[in-house]
Structure formats: C-alpha cells, structure tokens
Amino acid sequence: MDKKEWKAIDDLRIKVQQISEQQNMKKKLANVKYVAVEFAYKRFKNGEDAVNDAINHGYEVMETYKTESGIVVVLGRYRFGAV
C-alpha cells in the first residue's frame, strides 16, 4: 500500500471512532425493572435468579432499596442511538 491508501484508512478509522463516541453520548434508558429479593431462606433464590436473568439480558443495577424482608433491586436497560 502506498501513503495515499494508508491515509484513507487512517481517515476512516478516525471517522469510525468519532461516530462511536457520538453514539455513546446518546445512551438512553429504555427499560426499568424492579425485582424483590426476599431474605427468607426458601425464597431468596427466586429473586436472585430474576436479578441474574435481567443482568444476562442487558440490564444494569441502578439502585437497591432495603425493605423489612429483603431488598428491591432497580435495574435499567440502556440503548444507544435512537430509542
């Protein structure tokens, strides 16, 4: 490859990087999910499984709230670009 071809490749790399950065700035909350996790021995596994399933489907933990019987986990799923 000559210098002109390398310059074109480098220009394209820079454009791709700029577009990626612009899309990251447009991160928007698309879905919210509340999951109750009870600390009762026979019930905690259901909440634990629900939280893990949500994380596996792209949700992120936003907050947790303590309750008398356990916690409530607030999860959000984000989209990039147009939502």
PDB file of N, CA and C in Angstrom:
ATOM      1  N   MET A   1       0.830  -1.187   0.000  1.00  0.00           N
ATOM      2  CA  MET A   1       0.000   0.000   0.000  1.00  0.00           C
ATOM      3  C   MET A   1       0.872   1.247   0.000  1.00  0.00           C
ATOM      4  N   ASP A   2       0.384   2.249  -0.688  1.00  0.00           N
ATOM      5  CA  ASP A   2       1.141   3.496  -0.701  1.00  0.00           C
ATOM      6  C   ASP A   2       0.623   4.444   0.380  1.00  0.00           C
ATOM      7  N   LYS A   3       1.261   5.578   0.520  1.00  0.00           N
ATOM      8  CA  LYS A   3       0.917   6.538   1.573  1.00  0.00           C
ATOM      9  C   LYS A   3      -0.520   7.043   1.439  1.00  0.00           C
ATOM     10  N   LYS A   4      -0.995   7.188   0.212  1.00  0.00           N
ATOM     11  CA  LYS A   4      -2.353   7.685  -0.017  1.00  0.00           C
ATOM     12  C   LYS A   4      -3.394   6.694   0.512  1.00  0.00           C
ATOM     13  N   GLU A   5      -3.163   5.409   0.292  1.00  0.00           N
ATOM     14  CA  GLU A   5      -4.092   4.377   0.787  1.00  0.00           C
ATOM     15  C   GLU A   5      -4.067   4.308   2.314  1.00  0.00           C
ATOM     16  N   TRP A   6      -2.879   4.406   2.906  1.00  0.00           N
ATOM     17  CA  TRP A   6      -2.778   4.391   4.369  1.00  0.00           C
ATOM     18  C   TRP A   6      -3.479   5.599   4.970  1.00  0.00           C
ATOM     19  N   LYS A   7      -3.357   6.741   4.310  1.00  0.00           N
ATOM     20  CA  LYS A   7      -4.022   7.972   4.777  1.00  0.00           C
ATOM     21  C   LYS A   7      -5.537   7.795   4.735  1.00  0.00           C
ATOM     22  N   ALA A   8      -6.072   7.187   3.684  1.00  0.00           N
ATOM     23  CA  ALA A   8      -7.515   6.951   3.572  1.00  0.00           C
ATOM     24  C   ALA A   8      -7.996   5.996   4.673  1.00  0.00           C
ATOM     25  N   ILE A   9      -7.221   4.965   4.945  1.00  0.00           N
ATOM     26  CA  ILE A   9      -7.576   4.013   6.002  1.00  0.00           C
ATOM     27  C   ILE A   9      -7.567   4.705   7.360  1.00  0.00           C
ATOM     28  N   ASP A  10      -6.559   5.523   7.608  1.00  0.00           N
ATOM     29  CA  ASP A  10      -6.470   6.245   8.871  1.00  0.00           C
ATOM     30  C   ASP A  10      -7.633   7.223   9.027  1.00  0.00           C
ATOM     31  N   ASP A  11      -8.009   7.909   7.942  1.00  0.00           N
ATOM     32  CA  ASP A  11      -9.153   8.830   7.983  1.00  0.00           C
ATOM     33  C   ASP A  11     -10.442   8.084   8.321  1.00  0.00           C
ATOM     34  N   LEU A  12     -10.631   6.911   7.717  1.00  0.00           N
ATOM     35  CA  LEU A  12     -11.823   6.113   8.010  1.00  0.00           C
ATOM     36  C   LEU A  12     -11.838   5.652   9.470  1.00  0.00           C
ATOM     37  N   ARG A  13     -10.675   5.261   9.991  1.00  0.00           N
ATOM     38  CA  ARG A  13     -10.580   4.845  11.393  1.00  0.00           C
ATOM     39  C   ARG A  13     -10.993   5.984  12.321  1.00  0.00           C
ATOM     40  N   ILE A  14     -10.539   7.193  12.013  1.00  0.00           N
ATOM     41  CA  ILE A  14     -10.879   8.363  12.830  1.00  0.00           C
ATOM     42  C   ILE A  14     -12.381   8.635  12.766  1.00  0.00           C
ATOM     43  N   LYS A  15     -12.982   8.527  11.580  1.00  0.00           N
ATOM     44  CA  LYS A  15     -14.423   8.748  11.439  1.00  0.00           C
ATOM     45  C   LYS A  15     -15.220   7.714  12.231  1.00  0.00           C
ATOM     46  N   VAL A  16     -14.806   6.451  12.172  1.00  0.00           N
ATOM     47  CA  VAL A  16     -15.490   5.399  12.931  1.00  0.00           C
ATOM     48  C   VAL A  16     -15.403   5.686  14.422  1.00  0.00           C
ATOM     49  N   GLN A  17     -14.247   6.104  14.890  1.00  0.00           N
ATOM     50  CA  GLN A  17     -14.066   6.425  16.303  1.00  0.00           C
ATOM     51  C   GLN A  17     -14.963   7.599  16.707  1.00  0.00           C
ATOM     52  N   GLN A  18     -15.055   8.626  15.885  1.00  0.00           N
ATOM     53  CA  GLN A  18     -15.897   9.776  16.194  1.00  0.00           C
ATOM     54  C   GLN A  18     -17.371   9.385  16.258  1.00  0.00           C
ATOM     55  N   ILE A  19     -17.823   8.557  15.332  1.00  0.00           N
ATOM     56  CA  ILE A  19     -19.219   8.102  15.331  1.00  0.00           C
ATOM     57  C   ILE A  19     -19.496   7.284  16.580  1.00  0.00           C
ATOM     58  N   SER A  20     -18.578   6.410  16.953  1.00  0.00           N
ATOM     59  CA  SER A  20     -18.751   5.597  18.157  1.00  0.00           C
ATOM     60  C   SER A  20     -18.869   6.478  19.397  1.00  0.00           C
ATOM     61  N   GLU A  21     -18.038   7.489  19.492  1.00  0.00           N
ATOM     62  CA  GLU A  21     -18.088   8.402  20.633  1.00  0.00           C
ATOM     63  C   GLU A  21     -19.409   9.168  20.668  1.00  0.00           C
ATOM     64  N   GLN A  22     -19.910   9.580  19.523  1.00  0.00           N
ATOM     65  CA  GLN A  22     -21.191  10.287  19.465  1.00  0.00           C
ATOM     66  C   GLN A  22     -22.320   9.375  19.922  1.00  0.00           C
ATOM     67  N   GLN A  23     -22.306   8.122  19.520  1.00  0.00           N
ATOM     68  CA  GLN A  23     -23.360   7.192  19.911  1.00  0.00           C
ATOM     69  C   GLN A  23     -23.308   6.914  21.408  1.00  0.00           C
ATOM     70  N   ASN A  24     -22.127   6.823  21.979  1.00  0.00           N
ATOM     71  CA  ASN A  24     -22.015   6.606  23.414  1.00  0.00           C
ATOM     72  C   ASN A  24     -22.620   7.763  24.192  1.00  0.00           C
ATOM     73  N   MET A  25     -22.527   8.971  23.667  1.00  0.00           N
ATOM     74  CA  MET A  25     -23.097  10.127  24.341  1.00  0.00           C
ATOM     75  C   MET A  25     -24.623  10.094  24.286  1.00  0.00           C
ATOM     76  N   LYS A  26     -25.188   9.303  23.398  1.00  0.00           N
ATOM     77  CA  LYS A  26     -26.635   9.233  23.251  1.00  0.00           C
ATOM     78  C   LYS A  26     -27.208   7.999  23.954  1.00  0.00           C
ATOM     79  N   LYS A  27     -26.562   7.568  25.012  1.00  0.00           N
ATOM     80  CA  LYS A  27     -27.041   6.429  25.803  1.00  0.00           C
ATOM     81  C   LYS A  27     -28.325   6.845  26.509  1.00  0.00           C
ATOM     82  N   LYS A  28     -29.401   6.088  26.284  1.00  0.00           N
ATOM     83  CA  LYS A  28     -30.698   6.430  26.850  1.00  0.00           C
ATOM     84  C   LYS A  28     -31.302   5.231  27.565  1.00  0.00           C
ATOM     85  N   LEU A  29     -31.950   5.515  28.681  1.00  0.00           N
ATOM     86  CA  LEU A  29     -32.635   4.475  29.427  1.00  0.00           C
ATOM     87  C   LEU A  29     -33.857   4.019  28.642  1.00  0.00           C
ATOM     88  N   ALA A  30     -33.949   2.722  28.369  1.00  0.00           N
ATOM     89  CA  ALA A  30     -35.047   2.203  27.560  1.00  0.00           C
ATOM     90  C   ALA A  30     -36.052   1.406  28.380  1.00  0.00           C
ATOM     91  N   ASN A  31     -35.586   0.653  29.392  1.00  0.00           N
ATOM     92  CA  ASN A  31     -36.477  -0.172  30.210  1.00  0.00           C
ATOM     93  C   ASN A  31     -36.018  -0.139  31.665  1.00  0.00           C
ATOM     94  N   VAL A  32     -36.983  -0.253  32.569  1.00  0.00           N
ATOM     95  CA  VAL A  32     -36.699  -0.340  34.001  1.00  0.00           C
ATOM     96  C   VAL A  32     -37.384  -1.579  34.536  1.00  0.00           C
ATOM     97  N   LYS A  33     -36.714  -2.244  35.469  1.00  0.00           N
ATOM     98  CA  LYS A  33     -37.277  -3.453  36.075  1.00  0.00           C
ATOM     99  C   LYS A  33     -37.006  -3.405  37.572  1.00  0.00           C
ATOM    100  N   TYR A  34     -38.025  -3.733  38.371  1.00  0.00           N
ATOM    101  CA  TYR A  34     -37.896  -3.826  39.817  1.00  0.00           C
ATOM    102  C   TYR A  34     -37.984  -5.291  40.201  1.00  0.00           C
ATOM    103  N   VAL A  35     -37.010  -5.757  40.980  1.00  0.00           N
ATOM    104  CA  VAL A  35     -37.003  -7.155  41.398  1.00  0.00           C
ATOM    105  C   VAL A  35     -36.883  -7.190  42.915  1.00  0.00           C
ATOM    106  N   ALA A  36     -37.853  -7.868  43.568  1.00  0.00           N
ATOM    107  CA  ALA A  36     -37.811  -8.046  45.018  1.00  0.00           C
ATOM    108  C   ALA A  36     -37.005  -9.296  45.335  1.00  0.00           C
ATOM    109  N   VAL A  37     -36.042  -9.142  46.225  1.00  0.00           N
ATOM    110  CA  VAL A  37     -35.240 -10.277  46.682  1.00  0.00           C
ATOM    111  C   VAL A  37     -35.501 -10.424  48.171  1.00  0.00           C
ATOM    112  N   GLU A  38     -36.247 -11.467  48.538  1.00  0.00           N
ATOM    113  CA  GLU A  38     -36.545 -11.711  49.939  1.00  0.00           C
ATOM    114  C   GLU A  38     -35.404 -12.499  50.567  1.00  0.00           C
ATOM    115  N   PHE A  39     -35.132 -12.197  51.839  1.00  0.00           N
ATOM    116  CA  PHE A  39     -34.055 -12.886  52.520  1.00  0.00           C
ATOM    117  C   PHE A  39     -34.499 -14.192  53.174  1.00  0.00           C
ATOM    118  N   ALA A  40     -35.778 -14.532  53.066  1.00  0.00           N
ATOM    119  CA  ALA A  40     -36.248 -15.808  53.609  1.00  0.00           C
ATOM    120  C   ALA A  40     -35.538 -16.937  52.873  1.00  0.00           C
ATOM    121  N   TYR A  41     -35.050 -17.905  53.609  1.00  0.00           N
ATOM    122  CA  TYR A  41     -34.214 -18.965  53.038  1.00  0.00           C
ATOM    123  C   TYR A  41     -34.865 -19.659  51.853  1.00  0.00           C
ATOM    124  N   LYS A  42     -36.158 -19.915  51.934  1.00  0.00           N
ATOM    125  CA  LYS A  42     -36.843 -20.651  50.860  1.00  0.00           C
ATOM    126  C   LYS A  42     -37.214 -19.756  49.672  1.00  0.00           C
ATOM    127  N   ARG A  43     -37.016 -18.449  49.780  1.00  0.00           N
ATOM    128  CA  ARG A  43     -37.464 -17.547  48.719  1.00  0.00           C
ATOM    129  C   ARG A  43     -36.356 -16.735  48.053  1.00  0.00           C
ATOM    130  N   PHE A  44     -35.204 -16.611  48.667  1.00  0.00           N
ATOM    131  CA  PHE A  44     -34.181 -15.716  48.130  1.00  0.00           C
ATOM    132  C   PHE A  44     -33.712 -16.136  46.745  1.00  0.00           C
ATOM    133  N   LYS A  45     -33.735 -17.438  46.472  1.00  0.00           N
ATOM    134  CA  LYS A  45     -33.228 -17.943  45.187  1.00  0.00           C
ATOM    135  C   LYS A  45     -34.057 -17.406  44.012  1.00  0.00           C
ATOM    136  N   ASN A  46     -35.360 -17.246  44.180  1.00  0.00           N
ATOM    137  CA  ASN A  46     -36.210 -16.704  43.103  1.00  0.00           C
ATOM    138  C   ASN A  46     -35.783 -15.283  42.726  1.00  0.00           C
ATOM    139  N   GLY A  47     -35.586 -14.434  43.725  1.00  0.00           N
ATOM    140  CA  GLY A  47     -35.150 -13.069  43.457  1.00  0.00           C
ATOM    141  C   GLY A  47     -33.754 -13.020  42.885  1.00  0.00           C
ATOM    142  N   GLU A  48     -32.892 -13.857  43.425  1.00  0.00           N
ATOM    143  CA  GLU A  48     -31.522 -13.927  42.922  1.00  0.00           C
ATOM    144  C   GLU A  48     -31.507 -14.330  41.448  1.00  0.00           C
ATOM    145  N   ASP A  49     -32.290 -15.343  41.109  1.00  0.00           N
ATOM    146  CA  ASP A  49     -32.373 -15.786  39.716  1.00  0.00           C
ATOM    147  C   ASP A  49     -32.932 -14.693  38.806  1.00  0.00           C
ATOM    148  N   ALA A  50     -33.941 -13.959  39.298  1.00  0.00           N
ATOM    149  CA  ALA A  50     -34.543 -12.891  38.496  1.00  0.00           C
ATOM    150  C   ALA A  50     -33.534 -11.771  38.228  1.00  0.00           C
ATOM    151  N   VAL A  51     -32.739 -11.416  39.229  1.00  0.00           N
ATOM    152  CA  VAL A  51     -31.722 -10.375  39.046  1.00  0.00           C
ATOM    153  C   VAL A  51     -30.660 -10.845  38.056  1.00  0.00           C
ATOM    154  N   ASN A  52     -30.177 -12.077  38.227  1.00  0.00           N
ATOM    155  CA  ASN A  52     -29.156 -12.607  37.318  1.00  0.00           C
ATOM    156  C   ASN A  52     -29.675 -12.716  35.887  1.00  0.00           C
ATOM    157  N   ASP A  53     -30.931 -13.115  35.732  1.00  0.00           N
ATOM    158  CA  ASP A  53     -31.525 -13.213  34.395  1.00  0.00           C
ATOM    159  C   ASP A  53     -31.592 -11.830  33.736  1.00  0.00           C
ATOM    160  N   ALA A  54     -31.996 -10.836  34.511  1.00  0.00           N
ATOM    161  CA  ALA A  54     -32.076  -9.474  33.964  1.00  0.00           C
ATOM    162  C   ALA A  54     -30.687  -8.982  33.541  1.00  0.00           C
ATOM    163  N   ILE A  55     -29.684  -9.243  34.371  1.00  0.00           N
ATOM    164  CA  ILE A  55     -28.320  -8.831  34.026  1.00  0.00           C
ATOM    165  C   ILE A  55     -27.861  -9.537  32.751  1.00  0.00           C
ATOM    166  N   ASN A  56     -28.187 -10.813  32.631  1.00  0.00           N
ATOM    167  CA  ASN A  56     -27.823 -11.559  31.419  1.00  0.00           C
ATOM    168  C   ASN A  56     -28.527 -11.031  30.178  1.00  0.00           C
ATOM    169  N   HIS A  57     -29.644 -10.331  30.362  1.00  0.00           N
ATOM    170  CA  HIS A  57     -30.380  -9.756  29.233  1.00  0.00           C
ATOM    171  C   HIS A  57     -30.069  -8.271  29.030  1.00  0.00           C
ATOM    172  N   GLY A  58     -28.965  -7.809  29.592  1.00  0.00           N
ATOM    173  CA  GLY A  58     -28.511  -6.454  29.312  1.00  0.00           C
ATOM    174  C   GLY A  58     -28.896  -5.393  30.312  1.00  0.00           C
ATOM    175  N   TYR A  59     -29.567  -5.763  31.404  1.00  0.00           N
ATOM    176  CA  TYR A  59     -29.921  -4.778  32.424  1.00  0.00           C
ATOM    177  C   TYR A  59     -28.721  -4.512  33.318  1.00  0.00           C
ATOM    178  N   GLU A  60     -28.674  -3.300  33.880  1.00  0.00           N
ATOM    179  CA  GLU A  60     -27.643  -2.917  34.829  1.00  0.00           C
ATOM    180  C   GLU A  60     -28.319  -2.505  36.125  1.00  0.00           C
ATOM    181  N   VAL A  61     -27.684  -2.815  37.263  1.00  0.00           N
ATOM    182  CA  VAL A  61     -28.232  -2.417  38.557  1.00  0.00           C
ATOM    183  C   VAL A  61     -28.088  -0.907  38.688  1.00  0.00           C
ATOM    184  N   MET A  62     -29.212  -0.246  38.936  1.00  0.00           N
ATOM    185  CA  MET A  62     -29.203   1.204  39.106  1.00  0.00           C
ATOM    186  C   MET A  62     -29.178   1.564  40.588  1.00  0.00           C
ATOM    187  N   GLU A  63     -30.026   0.894  41.370  1.00  0.00           N
ATOM    188  CA  GLU A  63     -30.116   1.173  42.801  1.00  0.00           C
ATOM    189  C   GLU A  63     -30.647  -0.053  43.517  1.00  0.00           C
ATOM    190  N   THR A  64     -30.470  -0.065  44.836  1.00  0.00           N
ATOM    191  CA  THR A  64     -31.091  -1.083  45.682  1.00  0.00           C
ATOM    192  C   THR A  64     -31.734  -0.382  46.873  1.00  0.00           C
ATOM    193  N   TYR A  65     -32.862  -0.924  47.309  1.00  0.00           N
ATOM    194  CA  TYR A  65     -33.576  -0.387  48.458  1.00  0.00           C
ATOM    195  C   TYR A  65     -33.778  -1.499  49.465  1.00  0.00           C
ATOM    196  N   LYS A  66     -33.439  -1.225  50.713  1.00  0.00           N
ATOM    197  CA  LYS A  66     -33.628  -2.199  51.776  1.00  0.00           C
ATOM    198  C   LYS A  66     -35.079  -2.160  52.243  1.00  0.00           C
ATOM    199  N   THR A  67     -35.660  -3.343  52.435  1.00  0.00           N
ATOM    200  CA  THR A  67     -37.008  -3.466  52.976  1.00  0.00           C
ATOM    201  C   THR A  67     -36.936  -4.307  54.246  1.00  0.00           C
ATOM    202  N   GLU A  68     -38.079  -4.488  54.903  1.00  0.00           N
ATOM    203  CA  GLU A  68     -38.106  -5.301  56.121  1.00  0.00           C
ATOM    204  C   GLU A  68     -37.750  -6.759  55.841  1.00  0.00           C
ATOM    205  N   SER A  69     -38.097  -7.247  54.653  1.00  0.00           N
ATOM    206  CA  SER A  69     -37.893  -8.669  54.369  1.00  0.00           C
ATOM    207  C   SER A  69     -36.778  -8.943  53.365  1.00  0.00           C
ATOM    208  N   GLY A  70     -36.103  -7.905  52.876  1.00  0.00           N
ATOM    209  CA  GLY A  70     -35.052  -8.129  51.889  1.00  0.00           C
ATOM    210  C   GLY A  70     -34.647  -6.838  51.222  1.00  0.00           C
ATOM    211  N   ILE A  71     -34.505  -6.892  49.900  1.00  0.00           N
ATOM    212  CA  ILE A  71     -34.159  -5.708  49.125  1.00  0.00           C
ATOM    213  C   ILE A  71     -34.979  -5.674  47.836  1.00  0.00           C
ATOM    214  N   VAL A  72     -35.090  -4.490  47.279  1.00  0.00           N
ATOM    215  CA  VAL A  72     -35.649  -4.315  45.943  1.00  0.00           C
ATOM    216  C   VAL A  72     -34.510  -3.802  45.081  1.00  0.00           C
ATOM    217  N   VAL A  73     -34.273  -4.492  43.985  1.00  0.00           N
ATOM    218  CA  VAL A  73     -33.196  -4.116  43.063  1.00  0.00           C
ATOM    219  C   VAL A  73     -33.832  -3.416  41.865  1.00  0.00           C
ATOM    220  N   VAL A  74     -33.369  -2.218  41.580  1.00  0.00           N
ATOM    221  CA  VAL A  74     -33.852  -1.463  40.428  1.00  0.00           C
ATOM    222  C   VAL A  74     -32.822  -1.639  39.321  1.00  0.00           C
ATOM    223  N   LEU A  75     -33.285  -2.181  38.195  1.00  0.00           N
ATOM    224  CA  LEU A  75     -32.399  -2.453  37.065  1.00  0.00           C
ATOM    225  C   LEU A  75     -32.848  -1.636  35.865  1.00  0.00           C
ATOM    226  N   GLY A  76     -31.903  -1.210  35.057  1.00  0.00           N
ATOM    227  CA  GLY A  76     -32.222  -0.457  33.850  1.00  0.00           C
ATOM    228  C   GLY A  76     -31.498  -1.042  32.663  1.00  0.00           C
ATOM    229  N   ARG A  77     -32.161  -0.986  31.531  1.00  0.00           N
ATOM    230  CA  ARG A  77     -31.517  -1.407  30.274  1.00  0.00           C
ATOM    231  C   ARG A  77     -31.406  -0.177  29.391  1.00  0.00           C
ATOM    232  N   TYR A  78     -30.229   0.030  28.853  1.00  0.00           N
ATOM    233  CA  TYR A  78     -29.941   1.214  28.052  1.00  0.00           C
ATOM    234  C   TYR A  78     -29.828   0.859  26.586  1.00  0.00           C
ATOM    235  N   ARG A  79     -30.150   1.819  25.762  1.00  0.00           N
ATOM    236  CA  ARG A  79     -29.980   1.699  24.314  1.00  0.00           C
ATOM    237  C   ARG A  79     -29.056   2.823  23.865  1.00  0.00           C
ATOM    238  N   PHE A  80     -28.397   2.608  22.773  1.00  0.00           N
ATOM    239  CA  PHE A  80     -27.512   3.613  22.197  1.00  0.00           C
ATOM    240  C   PHE A  80     -28.123   4.121  20.907  1.00  0.00           C
ATOM    241  N   GLY A  81     -27.948   5.397  20.654  1.00  0.00           N
ATOM    242  CA  GLY A  81     -28.512   5.989  19.451  1.00  0.00           C
ATOM    243  C   GLY A  81     -29.990   6.285  19.648  1.00  0.00           C
ATOM    244  N   ALA A  82     -30.766   6.122  18.588  1.00  0.00           N
ATOM    245  CA  ALA A  82     -32.206   6.381  18.652  1.00  0.00           C
ATOM    246  C   ALA A  82     -32.899   5.291  19.438  1.00  0.00           C
ATOM    247  N   VAL A  83     -33.764   5.694  20.366  1.00  0.00           N
ATOM    248  CA  VAL A  83     -34.515   4.737  21.192  1.00  0.00           C
ATOM    249  C   VAL A  83     -35.940   4.719  20.730  1.00  0.00           C
TER     250      VAL A  83
END
